[in-house]
Structures are given as structure tokens and as C-alpha cells.
């Protein structure tokens, strides 16, 4: 009977070892699948984030809006030129009115402010436009 019990224990142990080995192999396969899935998710994140950066960047480092309010009793004209691209914009602001120039490219703009119809400048200078900054100026 002892030989029978010993044989039975050896047989059970052998089965357990085979199961443990096959379980280890299947665990390795599962682990490899999980790791492969993690790598795939990270790749999708990287590829997706590159697209998102361009779309989500919006106005950053690209443009801003400028609004000018005229609090005077005469209409004003402001001529602006982008220092780098030489783009030119001109606004005529009615008395007690407001005008906006939308999506001005970022950078330094040189401006010349005059009473409409006059050749004499009221103010000249440079204005730094930074991305996403919506600037409002009031002329008194």
C-alpha cells in the first residue's frame, strides 16, 4: 500500500508539475499579449497626440485679435504693418465706436494713429502681438 500511495503521490506531483509548466507557458503568453497591448496603446497615444497638437494649438504662436475703442469725438485711422511679413492692415474707427482686426499674425506691428483725413500722426510706435492675447486699446 505504501508503494501505491507513493506512486499516486508521484503521479499527482507529475501532473501538477506539468500543469505548472503549462500554466507558466500560458502566463508567459498572456504577459506577452498584455505587454504588446501596452506598446500598441502607447503608439496610438503618440500618433494621436501629434495630430492633436496641431489641431489643439489653435491661436497659440499663430495669431491674436486686436480691438480699438475710440473715446474721442472724431474718427480715427490706424495703419498697421507687420514688421516681418510686411502685412498691412488699416482700421477706421468712428467717433465713440470700436473696430477689431481679427487674427493678426503674432509678432511686432508698427502702427501710425491719425485723425481721419489728417496727415499728422497722433501716435506712432510698435505693438507686440502675442498668440491668443485678445488686446483691447482705448484711445482718449
Protein backbone atom coordinates (compact mmCIF):
# COMPACT_ATOMS: atom_id res chain seq x y z
CA UNK A 1 0.00 0.00 0.00
CA UNK A 2 2.84 2.35 0.67
CA UNK A 3 4.15 1.74 -2.84
CA UNK A 4 0.70 2.52 -4.20
CA UNK A 5 0.46 5.71 -2.17
CA UNK A 6 3.95 6.72 -3.20
CA UNK A 7 3.12 6.04 -6.86
CA UNK A 8 -0.07 8.03 -6.52
CA UNK A 9 1.81 10.98 -4.96
CA UNK A 10 4.44 10.83 -7.71
CA UNK A 11 1.72 10.73 -10.36
CA UNK A 12 -0.16 13.70 -8.79
CA UNK A 13 3.08 15.62 -8.38
CA UNK A 14 3.95 14.89 -12.01
CA UNK A 15 0.55 16.18 -13.13
CA UNK A 16 0.94 19.28 -11.01
CA UNK A 17 4.40 19.94 -12.44
CA UNK A 18 3.04 19.55 -15.98
CA UNK A 19 0.14 21.87 -15.15
CA UNK A 20 2.51 24.36 -13.54
CA UNK A 21 4.73 24.29 -16.62
CA UNK A 22 1.82 24.70 -18.99
CA UNK A 23 0.36 27.41 -16.76
CA UNK A 24 3.69 29.18 -16.76
CA UNK A 25 3.84 28.98 -20.57
CA UNK A 26 0.30 30.30 -20.86
CA UNK A 27 1.10 33.00 -18.29
CA UNK A 28 4.07 33.98 -20.43
CA UNK A 29 1.84 34.19 -23.48
CA UNK A 30 -0.69 36.29 -21.55
CA UNK A 31 2.09 38.51 -20.23
CA UNK A 32 3.45 38.94 -23.76
CA UNK A 33 -0.02 39.83 -25.04
CA UNK A 34 -0.50 42.34 -22.24
CA UNK A 35 2.90 43.92 -22.88
CA UNK A 36 2.20 44.01 -26.62
CA UNK A 37 -1.12 45.70 -25.91
CA UNK A 38 0.60 48.29 -23.73
CA UNK A 39 3.08 49.05 -26.51
CA UNK A 40 0.23 49.36 -29.01
CA UNK A 41 -1.67 51.75 -26.72
CA UNK A 42 1.45 53.89 -26.25
CA UNK A 43 1.99 54.03 -30.03
CA UNK A 44 -1.60 55.10 -30.56
CA UNK A 45 -1.17 57.80 -27.90
CA UNK A 46 1.98 59.12 -29.56
CA UNK A 47 0.49 59.11 -33.04
CA UNK A 48 -2.76 60.61 -31.81
CA UNK A 49 -1.02 63.31 -29.77
CA UNK A 50 0.91 64.59 -32.80
CA UNK A 51 -2.34 65.19 -34.66
CA UNK A 52 -3.96 66.72 -31.61
CA UNK A 53 -1.13 69.20 -31.10
CA UNK A 54 -1.72 70.86 -34.46
CA UNK A 55 -5.48 70.96 -34.01
CA UNK A 56 -5.43 71.99 -30.35
CA UNK A 57 -2.74 74.61 -30.84
CA UNK A 58 -5.46 76.98 -32.01
CA UNK A 59 -4.18 80.51 -31.84
CA UNK A 60 -1.02 79.80 -29.84
CA UNK A 61 2.05 81.20 -31.63
CA UNK A 62 -0.13 81.99 -34.63
CA UNK A 63 -2.48 84.92 -34.13
CA UNK A 64 -4.42 87.19 -31.77
CA UNK A 65 -7.26 89.70 -32.00
CA UNK A 66 -6.90 93.47 -31.59
CA UNK A 67 -9.84 95.77 -30.82
CA UNK A 68 -9.55 99.55 -30.63
CA UNK A 69 -12.16 101.71 -28.90
CA UNK A 70 -12.35 105.38 -29.89
CA UNK A 71 -13.43 107.57 -26.97
CA UNK A 72 -12.81 110.78 -28.91
CA UNK A 73 -15.34 112.95 -30.74
CA UNK A 74 -13.60 112.50 -34.13
CA UNK A 75 -13.00 109.41 -36.21
CA UNK A 76 -9.52 107.87 -36.15
CA UNK A 77 -7.47 105.89 -38.64
CA UNK A 78 -4.82 103.43 -37.57
CA UNK A 79 -2.47 101.92 -40.14
CA UNK A 80 -0.51 98.86 -39.03
CA UNK A 81 2.30 96.94 -40.72
CA UNK A 82 3.72 93.62 -39.57
CA UNK A 83 7.46 94.07 -39.21
CA UNK A 84 8.43 90.64 -40.56
CA UNK A 85 5.84 89.79 -43.20
CA UNK A 86 5.05 93.39 -44.24
CA UNK A 87 1.32 92.59 -43.99
CA UNK A 88 -0.67 95.81 -43.85
CA UNK A 89 -3.95 96.48 -42.03
CA UNK A 90 -5.88 99.70 -41.67
CA UNK A 91 -8.80 100.44 -39.35
CA UNK A 92 -11.08 103.46 -39.45
CA UNK A 93 -12.79 103.88 -36.09
CA UNK A 94 -15.88 106.10 -35.95
CA UNK A 95 -16.26 108.57 -33.11
CA UNK A 96 -17.27 106.77 -29.90
CA UNK A 97 -17.00 103.48 -31.80
CA UNK A 98 -14.95 100.31 -31.78
CA UNK A 99 -13.30 98.29 -34.53
CA UNK A 100 -11.43 94.99 -34.39
CA UNK A 101 -8.78 93.37 -36.50
CA UNK A 102 -9.16 89.63 -36.09
CA UNK A 103 -6.44 87.02 -36.34
CA UNK A 104 -3.47 89.34 -36.52
CA UNK A 105 -0.32 87.27 -37.01
CA UNK A 106 1.91 87.27 -33.93
CA UNK A 107 4.94 89.49 -33.88
CA UNK A 108 5.75 93.18 -33.83
CA UNK A 109 3.38 95.54 -35.62
CA UNK A 110 4.32 99.15 -36.36
CA UNK A 111 1.33 101.47 -36.10
CA UNK A 112 0.52 105.04 -37.08
CA UNK A 113 -2.56 106.63 -35.45
CA UNK A 114 -4.11 109.70 -37.11
CA UNK A 115 -7.32 111.67 -37.05
CA UNK A 116 -9.14 110.53 -40.19
CA UNK A 117 -8.33 112.81 -43.13
CA UNK A 118 -5.32 114.37 -41.38
CA UNK A 119 -1.72 113.86 -42.43
CA UNK A 120 -0.36 114.49 -38.92
CA UNK A 121 0.22 111.48 -36.68
CA UNK A 122 -1.18 111.45 -33.17
CA UNK A 123 0.91 108.47 -32.16
CA UNK A 124 3.42 106.14 -33.77
CA UNK A 125 5.00 103.09 -32.30
CA UNK A 126 5.31 99.36 -32.12
CA UNK A 127 2.86 96.89 -30.71
CA UNK A 128 3.80 93.32 -29.76
CA UNK A 129 1.04 90.85 -30.58
CA UNK A 130 1.39 87.54 -28.74
CA UNK A 131 -0.56 84.40 -29.54
CA UNK A 132 -4.07 84.08 -28.12
CA UNK A 133 -3.94 87.51 -26.48
CA UNK A 134 -7.07 89.46 -27.30
CA UNK A 135 -5.90 93.04 -26.93
CA UNK A 136 -8.30 95.96 -26.44
CA UNK A 137 -7.00 99.51 -26.66
CA UNK A 138 -8.91 102.68 -25.81
CA UNK A 139 -7.92 105.93 -27.49
CA UNK A 140 -8.89 109.01 -25.42
